[in-house]
Amino acid sequence: MKSINKMSQVELAAHIQNSLQAEGVEVVLSGGSAVSFYSSNKYVSKDLDLINTGFAKRSKIKSVMEKLGFKERGRYFINSETKFFVEFPDGPLSVGEEPVKEIKEFKLVTGILKILSPTDCVKDRLCAFYFWNDLQGLEQAILVTKNQKVNLKEIRRWSKVEDKETKYEIFLEKLST
């Protein structure tokens, strides 16, 4: 097994996910680190957002993270061996008002990485743009769309359900430039 200081962001995520899973805790990678993965690090994120999908108690997560050498600092877990910090946002695993439709799994040297699908990753980033006018979220959604196969028909349907058709059109316009 690689040491933590030699792990890439997603290798670290898979390592943490597998350690948590061994204790009955299920988490899925989302947020900026999913964008980093799907954009081949064209976007760089320093954190790992691991969504607690099974509503495990924070104390159980903390116990596993401490065994891995992480210390809790506010809402994050840090380890001096890595530049990446880890956060466990509460579930449910959703994009806007809908549950996530698909979790992708990738076999890495450190374990199985569980991550939002590219389409749900785009929806996740569009949420920041749709609801908080976060232009960085819009740029991240475009980056993933340009680097991965995403289902634009599904994103259009979802945008309509979220009542964000006007902002979806902005996304499409920026995507084509």
N, C-alpha and C. Protein backbone atom coordinates (compact mmCIF):
# COMPACT_ATOMS: atom_id res chain seq x y z
N MET A 1 0.85 -1.19 0.00
CA MET A 1 0.00 0.00 0.00
C MET A 1 0.89 1.24 0.00
N LYS A 2 0.51 2.21 -0.82
CA LYS A 2 1.21 3.49 -0.86
C LYS A 2 1.07 4.21 0.47
N SER A 3 2.06 5.00 0.81
CA SER A 3 1.90 5.85 2.00
C SER A 3 1.05 7.06 1.61
N ILE A 4 0.38 7.63 2.59
CA ILE A 4 -0.54 8.74 2.33
C ILE A 4 0.16 9.88 1.60
N ASN A 5 1.42 10.16 1.95
CA ASN A 5 2.11 11.28 1.32
C ASN A 5 2.42 11.06 -0.16
N LYS A 6 2.23 9.84 -0.65
CA LYS A 6 2.47 9.54 -2.07
C LYS A 6 1.16 9.34 -2.84
N MET A 7 0.02 9.45 -2.15
CA MET A 7 -1.27 9.23 -2.80
C MET A 7 -1.76 10.49 -3.52
N SER A 8 -2.33 10.27 -4.70
CA SER A 8 -3.02 11.36 -5.40
C SER A 8 -4.33 11.63 -4.65
N GLN A 9 -4.99 12.66 -5.06
CA GLN A 9 -6.26 13.03 -4.42
C GLN A 9 -7.27 11.88 -4.47
N VAL A 10 -7.46 11.28 -5.64
CA VAL A 10 -8.46 10.22 -5.75
C VAL A 10 -7.97 8.92 -5.11
N GLU A 11 -6.67 8.67 -5.11
CA GLU A 11 -6.16 7.49 -4.40
C GLU A 11 -6.43 7.63 -2.91
N LEU A 12 -6.25 8.85 -2.39
CA LEU A 12 -6.54 9.08 -0.97
C LEU A 12 -8.03 8.90 -0.70
N ALA A 13 -8.86 9.40 -1.59
CA ALA A 13 -10.32 9.24 -1.43
C ALA A 13 -10.69 7.77 -1.38
N ALA A 14 -10.15 6.98 -2.31
CA ALA A 14 -10.46 5.54 -2.34
C ALA A 14 -9.97 4.86 -1.07
N HIS A 15 -8.79 5.23 -0.60
CA HIS A 15 -8.23 4.66 0.63
C HIS A 15 -9.15 4.96 1.82
N ILE A 16 -9.58 6.19 1.93
CA ILE A 16 -10.48 6.58 3.03
C ILE A 16 -11.82 5.87 2.88
N GLN A 17 -12.37 5.85 1.66
CA GLN A 17 -13.65 5.19 1.43
C GLN A 17 -13.60 3.71 1.84
N ASN A 18 -12.54 3.02 1.44
CA ASN A 18 -12.43 1.60 1.77
C ASN A 18 -12.26 1.38 3.26
N SER A 19 -11.51 2.25 3.92
CA SER A 19 -11.34 2.13 5.38
C SER A 19 -12.67 2.36 6.09
N LEU A 20 -13.43 3.33 5.62
CA LEU A 20 -14.74 3.60 6.22
C LEU A 20 -15.71 2.46 5.93
N GLN A 21 -15.68 1.97 4.71
CA GLN A 21 -16.59 0.88 4.32
C GLN A 21 -16.36 -0.36 5.17
N ALA A 22 -15.10 -0.62 5.51
CA ALA A 22 -14.78 -1.77 6.36
C ALA A 22 -15.44 -1.66 7.73
N GLU A 23 -15.79 -0.43 8.11
CA GLU A 23 -16.47 -0.19 9.39
C GLU A 23 -17.97 0.08 9.19
N GLY A 24 -18.48 -0.17 7.98
CA GLY A 24 -19.90 -0.02 7.71
C GLY A 24 -20.34 1.40 7.35
N VAL A 25 -19.38 2.26 6.99
CA VAL A 25 -19.70 3.64 6.65
C VAL A 25 -19.54 3.82 5.14
N GLU A 26 -20.61 4.25 4.48
CA GLU A 26 -20.60 4.46 3.03
C GLU A 26 -20.50 5.94 2.72
N VAL A 27 -19.54 6.31 1.87
CA VAL A 27 -19.38 7.69 1.43
C VAL A 27 -19.11 7.72 -0.07
N VAL A 28 -19.46 8.84 -0.70
CA VAL A 28 -19.27 9.03 -2.14
C VAL A 28 -18.57 10.36 -2.36
N LEU A 29 -17.59 10.36 -3.25
CA LEU A 29 -16.84 11.57 -3.57
C LEU A 29 -17.68 12.49 -4.45
N SER A 30 -17.70 13.77 -4.10
CA SER A 30 -18.43 14.76 -4.90
C SER A 30 -17.66 16.08 -4.84
N GLY A 31 -18.30 17.15 -5.27
CA GLY A 31 -17.72 18.48 -5.16
C GLY A 31 -16.54 18.71 -6.09
N GLY A 32 -15.68 19.63 -5.67
CA GLY A 32 -14.55 20.04 -6.50
C GLY A 32 -13.57 18.92 -6.80
N SER A 33 -13.43 17.98 -5.87
CA SER A 33 -12.50 16.88 -6.13
C SER A 33 -13.03 15.96 -7.23
N ALA A 34 -14.35 15.85 -7.37
CA ALA A 34 -14.92 15.10 -8.50
C ALA A 34 -14.62 15.84 -9.80
N VAL A 35 -14.70 17.17 -9.76
CA VAL A 35 -14.35 17.98 -10.94
C VAL A 35 -12.89 17.76 -11.29
N SER A 36 -12.01 17.76 -10.29
CA SER A 36 -10.58 17.51 -10.54
C SER A 36 -10.39 16.17 -11.25
N PHE A 37 -11.05 15.14 -10.76
CA PHE A 37 -10.93 13.80 -11.34
C PHE A 37 -11.41 13.80 -12.79
N TYR A 38 -12.61 14.34 -13.02
CA TYR A 38 -13.20 14.27 -14.35
C TYR A 38 -12.57 15.25 -15.35
N SER A 39 -11.78 16.20 -14.86
CA SER A 39 -11.11 17.14 -15.76
C SER A 39 -9.61 16.84 -15.87
N SER A 40 -9.18 15.70 -15.38
CA SER A 40 -7.76 15.34 -15.37
C SER A 40 -6.93 16.46 -14.73
N ASN A 41 -7.45 16.97 -13.62
CA ASN A 41 -6.80 18.02 -12.82
C ASN A 41 -6.63 19.36 -13.55
N LYS A 42 -7.47 19.63 -14.53
CA LYS A 42 -7.49 20.98 -15.12
C LYS A 42 -8.08 21.95 -14.10
N TYR A 43 -8.92 21.44 -13.24
CA TYR A 43 -9.38 22.19 -12.07
C TYR A 43 -8.75 21.49 -10.87
N VAL A 44 -8.19 22.27 -9.95
CA VAL A 44 -7.52 21.69 -8.79
C VAL A 44 -8.29 22.04 -7.53
N SER A 45 -8.60 21.02 -6.78
CA SER A 45 -9.27 21.18 -5.49
C SER A 45 -8.36 20.60 -4.41
N LYS A 46 -8.31 21.24 -3.27
CA LYS A 46 -7.47 20.76 -2.17
C LYS A 46 -8.26 19.95 -1.14
N ASP A 47 -9.57 19.86 -1.36
CA ASP A 47 -10.35 19.11 -0.38
C ASP A 47 -11.03 17.91 -1.02
N LEU A 48 -11.44 17.01 -0.16
CA LEU A 48 -12.19 15.84 -0.56
C LEU A 48 -13.55 15.94 0.12
N ASP A 49 -14.61 16.05 -0.67
CA ASP A 49 -15.96 16.06 -0.13
C ASP A 49 -16.50 14.64 -0.23
N LEU A 50 -16.60 13.98 0.90
CA LEU A 50 -17.10 12.61 0.95
C LEU A 50 -18.47 12.65 1.62
N ILE A 51 -19.51 12.47 0.81
CA ILE A 51 -20.88 12.56 1.31
C ILE A 51 -21.23 11.27 2.05
N ASN A 52 -21.65 11.44 3.27
CA ASN A 52 -22.04 10.35 4.15
C ASN A 52 -23.43 9.87 3.72
N THR A 53 -23.48 8.81 2.91
CA THR A 53 -24.75 8.38 2.33
C THR A 53 -25.58 7.50 3.26
N GLY A 54 -24.96 6.93 4.28
CA GLY A 54 -25.68 6.03 5.17
C GLY A 54 -26.02 6.65 6.51
N PHE A 55 -25.78 7.97 6.64
CA PHE A 55 -26.09 8.69 7.87
C PHE A 55 -25.34 8.11 9.08
N ALA A 56 -24.09 7.70 8.84
CA ALA A 56 -23.27 7.19 9.94
C ALA A 56 -22.98 8.32 10.93
N LYS A 57 -22.81 7.96 12.16
CA LYS A 57 -22.50 8.96 13.19
C LYS A 57 -21.11 9.54 12.96
N ARG A 58 -20.99 10.83 13.22
CA ARG A 58 -19.71 11.52 13.06
C ARG A 58 -18.64 10.86 13.94
N SER A 59 -19.02 10.38 15.10
CA SER A 59 -18.04 9.76 16.00
C SER A 59 -17.42 8.51 15.36
N LYS A 60 -18.19 7.77 14.58
CA LYS A 60 -17.67 6.58 13.90
C LYS A 60 -16.70 7.01 12.79
N ILE A 61 -17.06 8.03 12.04
CA ILE A 61 -16.18 8.55 10.99
C ILE A 61 -14.89 9.07 11.62
N LYS A 62 -15.02 9.80 12.71
CA LYS A 62 -13.85 10.36 13.39
C LYS A 62 -12.90 9.25 13.86
N SER A 63 -13.44 8.18 14.37
CA SER A 63 -12.63 7.07 14.85
C SER A 63 -11.80 6.47 13.71
N VAL A 64 -12.44 6.25 12.56
CA VAL A 64 -11.73 5.68 11.41
C VAL A 64 -10.68 6.67 10.91
N MET A 65 -11.04 7.93 10.83
CA MET A 65 -10.10 8.94 10.33
C MET A 65 -8.89 9.07 11.25
N GLU A 66 -9.10 8.96 12.55
CA GLU A 66 -7.97 9.01 13.48
C GLU A 66 -7.04 7.83 13.29
N LYS A 67 -7.61 6.65 13.01
CA LYS A 67 -6.78 5.46 12.74
C LYS A 67 -5.92 5.67 11.48
N LEU A 68 -6.42 6.51 10.56
CA LEU A 68 -5.68 6.80 9.33
C LEU A 68 -4.70 7.96 9.51
N GLY A 69 -4.65 8.52 10.72
CA GLY A 69 -3.71 9.60 11.00
C GLY A 69 -4.27 11.00 10.80
N PHE A 70 -5.58 11.13 10.65
CA PHE A 70 -6.21 12.44 10.48
C PHE A 70 -6.70 12.97 11.81
N LYS A 71 -6.62 14.28 11.96
CA LYS A 71 -7.13 14.96 13.15
C LYS A 71 -8.27 15.88 12.74
N GLU A 72 -9.29 15.93 13.56
CA GLU A 72 -10.43 16.78 13.27
C GLU A 72 -10.11 18.23 13.63
N ARG A 73 -10.35 19.13 12.68
CA ARG A 73 -10.17 20.57 12.87
C ARG A 73 -11.42 21.25 12.34
N GLY A 74 -12.33 21.59 13.23
CA GLY A 74 -13.60 22.15 12.80
C GLY A 74 -14.37 21.11 12.02
N ARG A 75 -14.76 21.47 10.81
CA ARG A 75 -15.54 20.52 9.98
C ARG A 75 -14.65 19.65 9.11
N TYR A 76 -13.34 19.88 9.13
CA TYR A 76 -12.40 19.15 8.28
C TYR A 76 -11.56 18.16 9.07
N PHE A 77 -10.99 17.22 8.33
CA PHE A 77 -9.97 16.31 8.87
C PHE A 77 -8.69 16.59 8.10
N ILE A 78 -7.59 16.75 8.85
CA ILE A 78 -6.31 17.05 8.22
C ILE A 78 -5.27 16.03 8.66
N ASN A 79 -4.26 15.86 7.82
CA ASN A 79 -3.17 14.94 8.09
C ASN A 79 -1.92 15.61 7.54
N SER A 80 -0.90 15.74 8.34
CA SER A 80 0.32 16.44 7.92
C SER A 80 1.04 15.75 6.76
N GLU A 81 0.67 14.52 6.45
CA GLU A 81 1.31 13.80 5.35
C GLU A 81 0.72 14.15 3.98
N THR A 82 -0.36 14.91 3.96
CA THR A 82 -1.01 15.24 2.69
C THR A 82 -1.48 16.68 2.68
N LYS A 83 -1.49 17.27 1.49
CA LYS A 83 -1.99 18.64 1.34
C LYS A 83 -3.52 18.67 1.25
N PHE A 84 -4.14 17.50 1.09
CA PHE A 84 -5.59 17.43 0.95
C PHE A 84 -6.26 17.34 2.31
N PHE A 85 -7.35 18.07 2.46
CA PHE A 85 -8.15 17.95 3.68
C PHE A 85 -9.49 17.35 3.31
N VAL A 86 -10.13 16.74 4.30
CA VAL A 86 -11.31 15.92 4.05
C VAL A 86 -12.50 16.48 4.81
N GLU A 87 -13.63 16.53 4.13
CA GLU A 87 -14.87 16.99 4.74
C GLU A 87 -15.94 15.93 4.49
N PHE A 88 -16.85 15.78 5.44
CA PHE A 88 -17.95 14.81 5.32
C PHE A 88 -19.29 15.53 5.41
N PRO A 89 -19.71 16.17 4.31
CA PRO A 89 -21.03 16.81 4.34
C PRO A 89 -22.12 15.77 4.58
N ASP A 90 -23.16 16.19 5.27
CA ASP A 90 -24.28 15.29 5.53
C ASP A 90 -25.02 14.96 4.25
N GLY A 91 -25.58 13.78 4.20
CA GLY A 91 -26.45 13.39 3.10
C GLY A 91 -27.80 14.04 3.28
N PRO A 92 -28.74 13.74 2.47
CA PRO A 92 -28.67 12.68 1.48
C PRO A 92 -27.83 13.10 0.27
N LEU A 93 -27.41 12.13 -0.47
CA LEU A 93 -26.65 12.38 -1.69
C LEU A 93 -27.64 12.82 -2.76
N SER A 94 -27.63 14.13 -3.04
CA SER A 94 -28.61 14.69 -3.96
C SER A 94 -28.01 15.82 -4.78
N VAL A 95 -28.71 16.14 -5.86
CA VAL A 95 -28.40 17.31 -6.67
C VAL A 95 -29.69 18.10 -6.77
N GLY A 96 -29.70 19.26 -6.12
CA GLY A 96 -30.94 20.01 -6.02
C GLY A 96 -31.94 19.20 -5.22
N GLU A 97 -33.11 19.04 -5.79
CA GLU A 97 -34.19 18.33 -5.09
C GLU A 97 -34.25 16.84 -5.42
N GLU A 98 -33.33 16.36 -6.22
CA GLU A 98 -33.39 14.96 -6.65
C GLU A 98 -32.23 14.14 -6.09
N PRO A 99 -32.47 12.87 -5.82
CA PRO A 99 -31.35 12.01 -5.42
C PRO A 99 -30.41 11.79 -6.59
N VAL A 100 -29.16 11.54 -6.29
CA VAL A 100 -28.17 11.23 -7.31
C VAL A 100 -28.60 9.94 -7.99
N LYS A 101 -28.49 9.90 -9.31
CA LYS A 101 -28.98 8.76 -10.08
C LYS A 101 -27.94 7.66 -10.26
N GLU A 102 -26.66 8.03 -10.29
CA GLU A 102 -25.65 7.02 -10.61
C GLU A 102 -24.34 7.30 -9.89
N ILE A 103 -23.80 6.26 -9.29
CA ILE A 103 -22.48 6.32 -8.67
C ILE A 103 -21.54 5.50 -9.56
N LYS A 104 -20.42 6.10 -9.91
CA LYS A 104 -19.41 5.39 -10.69
C LYS A 104 -18.38 4.80 -9.74
N GLU A 105 -17.80 3.68 -10.13
CA GLU A 105 -16.73 3.06 -9.35
C GLU A 105 -15.52 2.85 -10.25
N PHE A 106 -14.36 3.20 -9.70
CA PHE A 106 -13.10 3.04 -10.41
C PHE A 106 -12.13 2.30 -9.50
N LYS A 107 -11.50 1.27 -10.04
CA LYS A 107 -10.52 0.51 -9.26
C LYS A 107 -9.18 1.23 -9.32
N LEU A 108 -8.67 1.61 -8.15
CA LEU A 108 -7.37 2.27 -8.04
C LEU A 108 -6.45 1.39 -7.19
N VAL A 109 -5.18 1.71 -7.15
CA VAL A 109 -4.24 0.91 -6.36
C VAL A 109 -4.57 0.96 -4.87
N THR A 110 -5.27 1.99 -4.43
CA THR A 110 -5.60 2.13 -3.01
C THR A 110 -7.00 1.66 -2.66
N GLY A 111 -7.75 1.18 -3.65
CA GLY A 111 -9.11 0.70 -3.38
C GLY A 111 -10.07 1.13 -4.47
N ILE A 112 -11.33 0.97 -4.18
CA ILE A 112 -12.40 1.33 -5.13
C ILE A 112 -12.85 2.76 -4.83
N LEU A 113 -12.76 3.61 -5.85
CA LEU A 113 -13.24 4.98 -5.74
C LEU A 113 -14.71 5.02 -6.12
N LYS A 114 -15.54 5.54 -5.23
CA LYS A 114 -16.97 5.74 -5.50
C LYS A 114 -17.17 7.24 -5.67
N ILE A 115 -17.71 7.63 -6.83
CA ILE A 115 -17.79 9.03 -7.20
C ILE A 115 -19.07 9.30 -7.99
N LEU A 116 -19.57 10.52 -7.90
CA LEU A 116 -20.72 10.90 -8.73
C LEU A 116 -20.41 10.61 -10.19
N SER A 117 -21.41 10.28 -10.97
CA SER A 117 -21.22 10.14 -12.42
C SER A 117 -20.88 11.51 -12.99
N PRO A 118 -20.28 11.56 -14.18
CA PRO A 118 -20.01 12.87 -14.78
C PRO A 118 -21.27 13.74 -14.90
N THR A 119 -22.40 13.14 -15.29
CA THR A 119 -23.64 13.90 -15.43
C THR A 119 -24.08 14.48 -14.09
N ASP A 120 -24.03 13.68 -13.03
CA ASP A 120 -24.42 14.18 -11.71
C ASP A 120 -23.39 15.16 -11.15
N CYS A 121 -22.13 15.00 -11.53
CA CYS A 121 -21.10 15.97 -11.14
C CYS A 121 -21.42 17.34 -11.75
N VAL A 122 -21.83 17.34 -13.02
CA VAL A 122 -22.22 18.60 -13.67
C VAL A 122 -23.42 19.21 -12.96
N LYS A 123 -24.41 18.38 -12.64
CA LYS A 123 -25.59 18.90 -11.91
C LYS A 123 -25.17 19.49 -10.57
N ASP A 124 -24.28 18.81 -9.87
CA ASP A 124 -23.79 19.27 -8.57
C ASP A 124 -23.15 20.65 -8.71
N ARG A 125 -22.33 20.83 -9.71
CA ARG A 125 -21.66 22.12 -9.93
C ARG A 125 -22.65 23.17 -10.40
N LEU A 126 -23.64 22.76 -11.22
CA LEU A 126 -24.66 23.72 -11.66
C LEU A 126 -25.53 24.18 -10.50
N CYS A 127 -25.69 23.34 -9.47
CA CYS A 127 -26.44 23.78 -8.29
C CYS A 127 -25.84 25.06 -7.71
N ALA A 128 -24.51 25.11 -7.64
CA ALA A 128 -23.84 26.31 -7.10
C ALA A 128 -24.17 27.53 -7.97
N PHE A 129 -24.18 27.33 -9.27
CA PHE A 129 -24.52 28.42 -10.19
C PHE A 129 -26.01 28.75 -10.12
N TYR A 130 -26.86 27.75 -10.15
CA TYR A 130 -28.30 27.97 -10.17
C TYR A 130 -28.80 28.66 -8.90
N PHE A 131 -28.32 28.22 -7.76
CA PHE A 131 -28.91 28.69 -6.50
C PHE A 131 -28.13 29.79 -5.80
N TRP A 132 -26.82 29.91 -6.10
CA TRP A 132 -26.00 30.92 -5.42
C TRP A 132 -25.25 31.82 -6.40
N ASN A 133 -25.58 31.71 -7.69
CA ASN A 133 -24.91 32.51 -8.73
C ASN A 133 -23.40 32.37 -8.70
N ASP A 134 -22.92 31.19 -8.37
CA ASP A 134 -21.49 30.91 -8.28
C ASP A 134 -20.95 30.64 -9.68
N LEU A 135 -20.22 31.62 -10.22
CA LEU A 135 -19.68 31.47 -11.57
C LEU A 135 -18.59 30.42 -11.65
N GLN A 136 -17.90 30.17 -10.54
CA GLN A 136 -16.90 29.10 -10.52
C GLN A 136 -17.59 27.74 -10.70
N GLY A 137 -18.75 27.56 -10.08
CA GLY A 137 -19.52 26.33 -10.27
C GLY A 137 -19.90 26.14 -11.73
N LEU A 138 -20.30 27.23 -12.40
CA LEU A 138 -20.63 27.17 -13.82
C LEU A 138 -19.41 26.75 -14.63
N GLU A 139 -18.25 27.35 -14.36
CA GLU A 139 -17.03 27.01 -15.08
C GLU A 139 -16.63 25.55 -14.85
N GLN A 140 -16.82 25.07 -13.64
CA GLN A 140 -16.50 23.67 -13.34
C GLN A 140 -17.43 22.73 -14.09
N ALA A 141 -18.72 23.08 -14.16
CA ALA A 141 -19.69 22.27 -14.91
C ALA A 141 -19.30 22.20 -16.38
N ILE A 142 -18.86 23.32 -16.93
CA ILE A 142 -18.43 23.36 -18.33
C ILE A 142 -17.18 22.50 -18.52
N LEU A 143 -16.25 22.61 -17.61
CA LEU A 143 -15.01 21.84 -17.70
C LEU A 143 -15.28 20.34 -17.73
N VAL A 144 -16.15 19.87 -16.83
CA VAL A 144 -16.48 18.43 -16.81
C VAL A 144 -17.19 18.04 -18.10
N THR A 145 -18.12 18.88 -18.56
CA THR A 145 -18.88 18.57 -19.78
C THR A 145 -17.96 18.48 -20.99
N LYS A 146 -16.94 19.33 -21.04
CA LYS A 146 -16.02 19.31 -22.17
C LYS A 146 -15.02 18.15 -22.11
N ASN A 147 -14.86 17.56 -20.93
CA ASN A 147 -13.86 16.49 -20.77
C ASN A 147 -14.46 15.10 -20.58
N GLN A 148 -15.77 15.02 -20.42
CA GLN A 148 -16.42 13.73 -20.18
C GLN A 148 -17.69 13.63 -21.01
N LYS A 149 -18.16 12.41 -21.16
CA LYS A 149 -19.46 12.20 -21.81
C LYS A 149 -20.54 12.44 -20.74
N VAL A 150 -21.34 13.46 -20.95
CA VAL A 150 -22.44 13.75 -20.03
C VAL A 150 -23.75 13.74 -20.81
N ASN A 151 -24.83 13.51 -20.11
CA ASN A 151 -26.15 13.44 -20.73
C ASN A 151 -26.81 14.82 -20.64
N LEU A 152 -26.64 15.62 -21.70
CA LEU A 152 -27.21 16.98 -21.69
C LEU A 152 -28.74 16.96 -21.67
N LYS A 153 -29.34 15.93 -22.25
CA LYS A 153 -30.80 15.81 -22.23
C LYS A 153 -31.27 15.64 -20.78
N GLU A 154 -30.56 14.82 -20.01
CA GLU A 154 -30.89 14.63 -18.60
C GLU A 154 -30.66 15.91 -17.81
N ILE A 155 -29.58 16.62 -18.10
CA ILE A 155 -29.30 17.88 -17.39
C ILE A 155 -30.38 18.92 -17.71
N ARG A 156 -30.84 18.95 -18.97
CA ARG A 156 -31.95 19.86 -19.34
C ARG A 156 -33.21 19.50 -18.57
N ARG A 157 -33.55 18.19 -18.53
CA ARG A 157 -34.75 17.75 -17.80
C ARG A 157 -34.66 18.17 -16.34
N TRP A 158 -33.52 17.90 -15.72
CA TRP A 158 -33.30 18.23 -14.31
C TRP A 158 -33.38 19.74 -14.08
N SER A 159 -32.80 20.51 -14.98
CA SER A 159 -32.83 21.97 -14.86
C SER A 159 -34.26 22.49 -14.89
N LYS A 160 -35.08 21.88 -15.73
CA LYS A 160 -36.50 22.28 -15.80
C LYS A 160 -37.21 21.96 -14.49
N VAL A 161 -36.94 20.77 -13.93
CA VAL A 161 -37.54 20.39 -12.64
C VAL A 161 -37.12 21.37 -11.55
N GLU A 162 -35.87 21.83 -11.61
CA GLU A 162 -35.35 22.78 -10.62
C GLU A 162 -35.80 24.21 -10.91
N ASP A 163 -36.56 24.40 -11.99
CA ASP A 163 -37.05 25.72 -12.41
C ASP A 163 -35.89 26.67 -12.73
N LYS A 164 -34.90 26.13 -13.43
CA LYS A 164 -33.69 26.91 -13.76
C LYS A 164 -33.39 26.86 -15.26
N GLU A 165 -34.43 26.85 -16.07
CA GLU A 165 -34.23 26.75 -17.52
C GLU A 165 -33.43 27.92 -18.08
N THR A 166 -33.65 29.12 -17.56
CA THR A 166 -32.91 30.30 -18.05
C THR A 166 -31.42 30.14 -17.77
N LYS A 167 -31.08 29.67 -16.59
CA LYS A 167 -29.67 29.47 -16.26
C LYS A 167 -29.09 28.29 -17.03
N TYR A 168 -29.90 27.30 -17.34
CA TYR A 168 -29.43 26.19 -18.18
C TYR A 168 -29.03 26.72 -19.55
N GLU A 169 -29.81 27.65 -20.09
CA GLU A 169 -29.48 28.24 -21.39
C GLU A 169 -28.16 29.00 -21.33
N ILE A 170 -27.88 29.65 -20.21
CA ILE A 170 -26.59 30.32 -20.03
C ILE A 170 -25.47 29.29 -20.04
N PHE A 171 -25.69 28.19 -19.35
CA PHE A 171 -24.73 27.08 -19.34
C PHE A 171 -24.45 26.60 -20.77
N LEU A 172 -25.50 26.35 -21.55
CA LEU A 172 -25.34 25.88 -22.92
C LEU A 172 -24.58 26.91 -23.78
N GLU A 173 -24.93 28.17 -23.61
CA GLU A 173 -24.28 29.24 -24.37
C GLU A 173 -22.78 29.29 -24.07
N LYS A 174 -22.44 29.23 -22.79
CA LYS A 174 -21.02 29.27 -22.40
C LYS A 174 -20.30 27.99 -22.83
N LEU A 175 -21.01 26.89 -22.84
CA LEU A 175 -20.43 25.61 -23.24
C LEU A 175 -20.00 25.64 -24.71
N SER A 176 -20.75 26.37 -25.52
CA SER A 176 -20.47 26.41 -26.96
C SER A 176 -19.39 27.42 -27.34
N THR A 177 -18.90 28.19 -26.38
CA THR A 177 -17.85 29.19 -26.71
C THR A 177 -16.46 28.66 -26.45
